[in-house]
PDB file of N, CA and C in Angstrom:
ATOM      1  N   MET A   1     250.104 131.471  45.071  1.00  0.00           N
ATOM      2  CA  MET A   1     249.199 130.568  44.377  1.00  0.00           C
ATOM      3  C   MET A   1     249.472 130.595  42.875  1.00  0.00           C
ATOM      4  N   LYS A   2     249.714 131.786  42.325  1.00  0.00           N
ATOM      5  CA  LYS A   2     249.943 131.898  40.897  1.00  0.00           C
ATOM      6  C   LYS A   2     251.240 131.207  40.494  1.00  0.00           C
ATOM      7  N   LEU A   3     252.282 131.314  41.337  1.00  0.00           N
ATOM      8  CA  LEU A   3     253.557 130.656  41.048  1.00  0.00           C
ATOM      9  C   LEU A   3     253.392 129.138  41.075  1.00  0.00           C
ATOM     10  N   THR A   4     252.533 128.633  41.930  1.00  0.00           N
ATOM     11  CA  THR A   4     252.261 127.198  41.993  1.00  0.00           C
ATOM     12  C   THR A   4     251.656 126.714  40.681  1.00  0.00           C
ATOM     13  N   LYS A   5     250.708 127.465  40.164  1.00  0.00           N
ATOM     14  CA  LYS A   5     250.066 127.099  38.900  1.00  0.00           C
ATOM     15  C   LYS A   5     251.067 127.185  37.750  1.00  0.00           C
ATOM     16  N   THR A   6     251.960 128.168  37.803  1.00  0.00           N
ATOM     17  CA  THR A   6     252.982 128.316  36.770  1.00  0.00           C
ATOM     18  C   THR A   6     253.943 127.136  36.781  1.00  0.00           C
ATOM     19  N   LYS A   7     254.321 126.689  37.978  1.00  0.00           N
ATOM     20  CA  LYS A   7     255.208 125.521  38.078  1.00  0.00           C
ATOM     21  C   LYS A   7     254.537 124.284  37.496  1.00  0.00           C
ATOM     22  N   GLU A   8     253.271 124.119  37.825  1.00  0.00           N
ATOM     23  CA  GLU A   8     252.544 122.949  37.320  1.00  0.00           C
ATOM     24  C   GLU A   8     252.431 122.992  35.792  1.00  0.00           C
ATOM     25  N   ASN A   9     252.117 124.163  35.252  1.00  0.00           N
ATOM     26  CA  ASN A   9     252.010 124.294  33.794  1.00  0.00           C
ATOM     27  C   ASN A   9     253.356 124.090  33.113  1.00  0.00           C
ATOM     28  N   ALA A  10     254.425 124.602  33.718  1.00  0.00           N
ATOM     29  CA  ALA A  10     255.758 124.409  33.144  1.00  0.00           C
ATOM     30  C   ALA A  10     256.145 122.928  33.170  1.00  0.00           C
ATOM     31  N   GLY A  11     255.785 122.241  34.236  1.00  0.00           N
ATOM     32  CA  GLY A  11     256.058 120.806  34.321  1.00  0.00           C
ATOM     33  C   GLY A  11     255.317 120.023  33.256  1.00  0.00           C
ATOM     34  N   LYS A  12     254.050 120.360  33.060  1.00  0.00           N
ATOM     35  CA  LYS A  12     253.266 119.686  32.024  1.00  0.00           C
ATOM     36  C   LYS A  12     253.822 119.992  30.635  1.00  0.00           C
ATOM     37  N   PHE A  13     254.268 121.236  30.440  1.00  0.00           N
ATOM     38  CA  PHE A  13     254.853 121.622  29.164  1.00  0.00           C
ATOM     39  C   PHE A  13     256.117 120.808  28.875  1.00  0.00           C
ATOM     40  N   LEU A  14     256.974 120.641  29.874  1.00  0.00           N
ATOM     41  CA  LEU A  14     258.203 119.873  29.681  1.00  0.00           C
ATOM     42  C   LEU A  14     257.898 118.406  29.372  1.00  0.00           C
ATOM     43  N   LEU A  15     256.866 117.850  29.991  1.00  0.00           N
ATOM     44  CA  LEU A  15     256.482 116.479  29.675  1.00  0.00           C
ATOM     45  C   LEU A  15     255.969 116.382  28.231  1.00  0.00           C
ATOM     46  N   ASP A  16     255.232 117.388  27.788  1.00  0.00           N
ATOM     47  CA  ASP A  16     254.767 117.405  26.391  1.00  0.00           C
ATOM     48  C   ASP A  16     255.938 117.543  25.422  1.00  0.00           C
ATOM     49  N   VAL A  17     256.923 118.369  25.779  1.00  0.00           N
ATOM     50  CA  VAL A  17     258.110 118.523  24.940  1.00  0.00           C
ATOM     51  C   VAL A  17     258.853 117.200  24.831  1.00  0.00           C
ATOM     52  N   ALA A  18     258.938 116.471  25.941  1.00  0.00           N
ATOM     53  CA  ALA A  18     259.608 115.169  25.924  1.00  0.00           C
ATOM     54  C   ALA A  18     258.901 114.215  24.969  1.00  0.00           C
ATOM     55  N   LYS A  19     257.563 114.241  24.965  1.00  0.00           N
ATOM     56  CA  LYS A  19     256.816 113.382  24.044  1.00  0.00           C
ATOM     57  C   LYS A  19     257.087 113.765  22.589  1.00  0.00           C
ATOM     58  N   LEU A  20     257.162 115.057  22.322  1.00  0.00           N
ATOM     59  CA  LEU A  20     257.446 115.505  20.959  1.00  0.00           C
ATOM     60  C   LEU A  20     258.858 115.118  20.524  1.00  0.00           C
ATOM     61  N   ILE A  21     259.808 115.179  21.433  1.00  0.00           N
ATOM     62  CA  ILE A  21     261.181 114.789  21.109  1.00  0.00           C
ATOM     63  C   ILE A  21     261.248 113.296  20.814  1.00  0.00           C
ATOM     64  N   ILE A  22     260.510 112.498  21.584  1.00  0.00           N
ATOM     65  CA  ILE A  22     260.468 111.053  21.320  1.00  0.00           C
ATOM     66  C   ILE A  22     259.967 110.812  19.890  1.00  0.00           C
ATOM     67  N   GLY A  23     258.901 111.497  19.511  1.00  0.00           N
ATOM     68  CA  GLY A  23     258.378 111.356  18.155  1.00  0.00           C
ATOM     69  C   GLY A  23     259.380 111.813  17.106  1.00  0.00           C
ATOM     70  N   GLY A  24     260.072 112.913  17.382  1.00  0.00           N
ATOM     71  CA  GLY A  24     261.074 113.416  16.446  1.00  0.00           C
ATOM     72  C   GLY A  24     262.239 112.469  16.280  1.00  0.00           C
ATOM     73  N   VAL A  25     262.684 111.873  17.378  1.00  0.00           N
ATOM     74  CA  VAL A  25     263.798 110.924  17.300  1.00  0.00           C
ATOM     75  C   VAL A  25     263.382 109.686  16.515  1.00  0.00           C
ATOM     76  N   ILE A  26     262.178 109.216  16.748  1.00  0.00           N
ATOM     77  CA  ILE A  26     261.695 108.037  16.022  1.00  0.00           C
ATOM     78  C   ILE A  26     261.568 108.342  14.532  1.00  0.00           C
ATOM     79  N   LEU A  27     260.987 109.503  14.201  1.00  0.00           N
ATOM     80  CA  LEU A  27     260.842 109.863  12.797  1.00  0.00           C
ATOM     81  C   LEU A  27     262.196 110.080  12.121  1.00  0.00           C
ATOM     82  N   ALA A  28     263.116 110.713  12.819  1.00  0.00           N
ATOM     83  CA  ALA A  28     264.446 110.931  12.250  1.00  0.00           C
ATOM     84  C   ALA A  28     265.175 109.596  12.072  1.00  0.00           C
ATOM     85  N   GLY A  29     264.923 108.656  12.954  1.00  0.00           N
ATOM     86  CA  GLY A  29     265.533 107.335  12.817  1.00  0.00           C
ATOM     87  C   GLY A  29     264.962 106.559  11.641  1.00  0.00           C
ATOM     88  N   ILE A  30     263.682 106.779  11.359  1.00  0.00           N
ATOM     89  CA  ILE A  30     263.040 106.080  10.244  1.00  0.00           C
ATOM     90  C   ILE A  30     263.494 106.644   8.898  1.00  0.00           C
ATOM     91  N   MET A  31     263.600 107.971   8.805  1.00  0.00           N
ATOM     92  CA  MET A  31     263.982 108.621   7.546  1.00  0.00           C
ATOM     93  C   MET A  31     265.489 108.559   7.384  1.00  0.00           C
ATOM     94  N   GLN A  32     266.017 107.751   6.642  1.00  0.00           N
ATOM     95  CA  GLN A  32     267.453 107.529   6.558  1.00  0.00           C
ATOM     96  C   GLN A  32     268.127 108.560   5.654  1.00  0.00           C
ATOM     97  N   HIS A  33     268.402 109.748   6.200  1.00  0.00           N
ATOM     98  CA  HIS A  33     269.019 110.826   5.430  1.00  0.00           C
ATOM     99  C   HIS A  33     270.403 111.175   5.965  1.00  0.00           C
ATOM    100  N   GLY A  34     271.233 110.231   6.173  1.00  0.00           N
ATOM    101  CA  GLY A  34     272.605 110.483   6.597  1.00  0.00           C
ATOM    102  C   GLY A  34     272.736 111.028   8.006  1.00  0.00           C
ATOM    103  N   ILE A  35     271.824 110.669   8.857  1.00  0.00           N
ATOM    104  CA  ILE A  35     271.866 111.125  10.240  1.00  0.00           C
ATOM    105  C   ILE A  35     272.727 110.144  11.035  1.00  0.00           C
ATOM    106  N   GLY A  36     273.594 110.676  11.876  1.00  0.00           N
ATOM    107  CA  GLY A  36     274.366 109.814  12.762  1.00  0.00           C
ATOM    108  C   GLY A  36     273.453 109.263  13.847  1.00  0.00           C
ATOM    109  N   TYR A  37     273.083 108.005  13.721  1.00  0.00           N
ATOM    110  CA  TYR A  37     272.096 107.426  14.635  1.00  0.00           C
ATOM    111  C   TYR A  37     272.593 107.396  16.070  1.00  0.00           C
ATOM    112  N   THR A  38     273.874 107.177  16.258  1.00  0.00           N
ATOM    113  CA  THR A  38     274.405 107.132  17.624  1.00  0.00           C
ATOM    114  C   THR A  38     274.214 108.479  18.300  1.00  0.00           C
ATOM    115  N   LYS A  39     274.606 109.538  17.628  1.00  0.00           N
ATOM    116  CA  LYS A  39     274.436 110.880  18.197  1.00  0.00           C
ATOM    117  C   LYS A  39     272.963 111.221  18.379  1.00  0.00           C
ATOM    118  N   LEU A  40     272.158 110.836  17.402  1.00  0.00           N
ATOM    119  CA  LEU A  40     270.727 111.116  17.471  1.00  0.00           C
ATOM    120  C   LEU A  40     270.117 110.493  18.721  1.00  0.00           C
ATOM    121  N   TYR A  41     270.400 109.221  18.949  1.00  0.00           N
ATOM    122  CA  TYR A  41     269.807 108.528  20.088  1.00  0.00           C
ATOM    123  C   TYR A  41     270.401 108.985  21.416  1.00  0.00           C
ATOM    124  N   ILE A  42     271.688 109.296  21.438  1.00  0.00           N
ATOM    125  CA  ILE A  42     272.303 109.755  22.690  1.00  0.00           C
ATOM    126  C   ILE A  42     271.771 111.131  23.075  1.00  0.00           C
ATOM    127  N   PHE A  43     271.854 112.097  22.157  1.00  0.00           N
ATOM    128  CA  PHE A  43     271.396 113.451  22.474  1.00  0.00           C
ATOM    129  C   PHE A  43     269.887 113.502  22.669  1.00  0.00           C
ATOM    130  N   GLY A  44     269.157 112.767  21.852  1.00  0.00           N
ATOM    131  CA  GLY A  44     267.708 112.713  22.021  1.00  0.00           C
ATOM    132  C   GLY A  44     267.320 112.090  23.346  1.00  0.00           C
ATOM    133  N   GLY A  45     267.987 111.004  23.697  1.00  0.00           N
ATOM    134  CA  GLY A  45     267.697 110.341  24.975  1.00  0.00           C
ATOM    135  C   GLY A  45     268.014 111.218  26.167  1.00  0.00           C
ATOM    136  N   LEU A  46     269.163 111.904  26.109  1.00  0.00           N
ATOM    137  CA  LEU A  46     269.529 112.793  27.216  1.00  0.00           C
ATOM    138  C   LEU A  46     268.547 113.958  27.347  1.00  0.00           C
ATOM    139  N   THR A  47     268.122 114.494  26.220  1.00  0.00           N
ATOM    140  CA  THR A  47     267.162 115.597  26.251  1.00  0.00           C
ATOM    141  C   THR A  47     265.816 115.133  26.790  1.00  0.00           C
ATOM    142  N   ILE A  48     265.411 113.942  26.404  1.00  0.00           N
ATOM    143  CA  ILE A  48     264.147 113.389  26.899  1.00  0.00           C
ATOM    144  C   ILE A  48     264.204 113.192  28.408  1.00  0.00           C
ATOM    145  N   VAL A  49     265.289 112.599  28.885  1.00  0.00           N
ATOM    146  CA  VAL A  49     265.434 112.364  30.323  1.00  0.00           C
ATOM    147  C   VAL A  49     265.438 113.695  31.071  1.00  0.00           C
ATOM    148  N   PHE A  50     266.162 114.689  30.554  1.00  0.00           N
ATOM    149  CA  PHE A  50     266.215 116.009  31.178  1.00  0.00           C
ATOM    150  C   PHE A  50     264.816 116.622  31.277  1.00  0.00           C
ATOM    151  N   CYS A  51     264.069 116.593  30.182  1.00  0.00           N
ATOM    152  CA  CYS A  51     262.736 117.188  30.173  1.00  0.00           C
ATOM    153  C   CYS A  51     261.783 116.459  31.118  1.00  0.00           C
ATOM    154  N   ILE A  52     261.842 115.143  31.124  1.00  0.00           N
ATOM    155  CA  ILE A  52     260.957 114.376  32.004  1.00  0.00           C
ATOM    156  C   ILE A  52     261.288 114.642  33.465  1.00  0.00           C
ATOM    157  N   LEU A  53     262.573 114.614  33.814  1.00  0.00           N
ATOM    158  CA  LEU A  53     262.950 114.832  35.214  1.00  0.00           C
ATOM    159  C   LEU A  53     262.550 116.221  35.696  1.00  0.00           C
ATOM    160  N   TRP A  54     262.866 117.255  34.920  1.00  0.00           N
ATOM    161  CA  TRP A  54     262.515 118.605  35.346  1.00  0.00           C
ATOM    162  C   TRP A  54     261.006 118.812  35.349  1.00  0.00           C
ATOM    163  N   GLY A  55     260.305 118.191  34.417  1.00  0.00           N
ATOM    164  CA  GLY A  55     258.849 118.295  34.415  1.00  0.00           C
ATOM    165  C   GLY A  55     258.248 117.691  35.673  1.00  0.00           C
ATOM    166  N   LEU A  56     258.741 116.515  36.054  1.00  0.00           N
ATOM    167  CA  LEU A  56     258.234 115.873  37.270  1.00  0.00           C
ATOM    168  C   LEU A  56     258.625 116.651  38.519  1.00  0.00           C
ATOM    169  N   VAL A  57     259.840 117.196  38.544  1.00  0.00           N
ATOM    170  CA  VAL A  57     260.267 118.004  39.690  1.00  0.00           C
ATOM    171  C   VAL A  57     259.350 119.214  39.852  1.00  0.00           C
ATOM    172  N   LEU A  58     259.052 119.901  38.767  1.00  0.00           N
ATOM    173  CA  LEU A  58     258.182 121.076  38.852  1.00  0.00           C
ATOM    174  C   LEU A  58     256.770 120.709  39.287  1.00  0.00           C
ATOM    175  N   ILE A  59     256.268 119.593  38.815  1.00  0.00           N
ATOM    176  CA  ILE A  59     254.925 119.167  39.217  1.00  0.00           C
ATOM    177  C   ILE A  59     254.899 118.807  40.697  1.00  0.00           C
ATOM    178  N   VAL A  60     255.917 118.105  41.170  1.00  0.00           N
ATOM    179  CA  VAL A  60     255.978 117.753  42.597  1.00  0.00           C
ATOM    180  C   VAL A  60     256.109 119.012  43.452  1.00  0.00           C
ATOM    181  N   LEU A  61     256.926 119.966  43.012  1.00  0.00           N
ATOM    182  CA  LEU A  61     257.068 121.216  43.761  1.00  0.00           C
ATOM    183  C   LEU A  61     255.746 121.981  43.814  1.00  0.00           C
ATOM    184  N   SER A  62     255.004 121.973  42.726  1.00  0.00           N
ATOM    185  CA  SER A  62     253.717 122.667  42.743  1.00  0.00           C
ATOM    186  C   SER A  62     252.730 121.957  43.666  1.00  0.00           C
ATOM    187  N   ASP A  63     252.779 120.621  43.708  1.00  0.00           N
ATOM    188  CA  ASP A  63     251.914 119.881  44.632  1.00  0.00           C
ATOM    189  C   ASP A  63     252.284 120.177  46.075  1.00  0.00           C
ATOM    190  N   ASN A  64     253.591 120.290  46.361  1.00  0.00           N
ATOM    191  CA  ASN A  64     254.026 120.624  47.716  1.00  0.00           C
ATOM    192  C   ASN A  64     253.576 122.025  48.100  1.00  0.00           C
ATOM    193  N   ASP A  65     253.652 122.961  47.156  1.00  0.00           N
ATOM    194  CA  ASP A  65     253.198 124.321  47.444  1.00  0.00           C
ATOM    195  C   ASP A  65     251.695 124.359  47.699  1.00  0.00           C
ATOM    196  N   LYS A  66     250.929 123.548  46.964  1.00  0.00           N
ATOM    197  CA  LYS A  66     249.489 123.493  47.176  1.00  0.00           C
ATOM    198  C   LYS A  66     249.168 122.951  48.562  1.00  0.00           C
ATOM    199  N   SER A  67     249.887 121.902  48.982  1.00  0.00           N
ATOM    200  CA  SER A  67     249.591 121.306  50.289  1.00  0.00           C
ATOM    201  C   SER A  67     250.005 122.237  51.422  1.00  0.00           C
ATOM    202  N   LYS A  68     251.044 123.044  51.236  1.00  0.00           N
ATOM    203  CA  LYS A  68     251.437 124.011  52.259  1.00  0.00           C
ATOM    204  C   LYS A  68     250.394 125.124  52.380  1.00  0.00           C
ATOM    205  N   GLY A  69     249.780 125.468  51.271  1.00  0.00           N
ATOM    206  CA  GLY A  69     248.773 126.528  51.287  1.00  0.00           C
ATOM    207  C   GLY A  69     247.484 126.110  51.970  1.00  0.00           C
ATOM    208  N   ASP A  70     247.233 124.817  52.054  1.00  0.00           N
ATOM    209  CA  ASP A  70     246.008 124.316  52.677  1.00  0.00           C
ATOM    210  C   ASP A  70     246.068 124.357  54.182  1.00  0.00           C
ATOM    211  N   ILE A  71     247.247 124.461  54.751  1.00  0.00           N
ATOM    212  CA  ILE A  71     247.401 124.413  56.223  1.00  0.00           C
ATOM    213  C   ILE A  71     246.885 125.672  56.854  1.00  0.00           C
TER     214      ILE A  71
END
């Protein structure tokens, strides 16, 4: 049961990190300080996708563990 809650919290944390990265990429794009925009958007986008996918996977796994425990 405790591992299920940990998975759910880790999933929520990764989704929050993805939101913060989106904000960071937008702010870095607005502040024009010699940042390579192509690299910024590519690496930022890949990191966002990674965090969202793993966050959703962990949340789904925790939901599956909860439903198995109810049987």
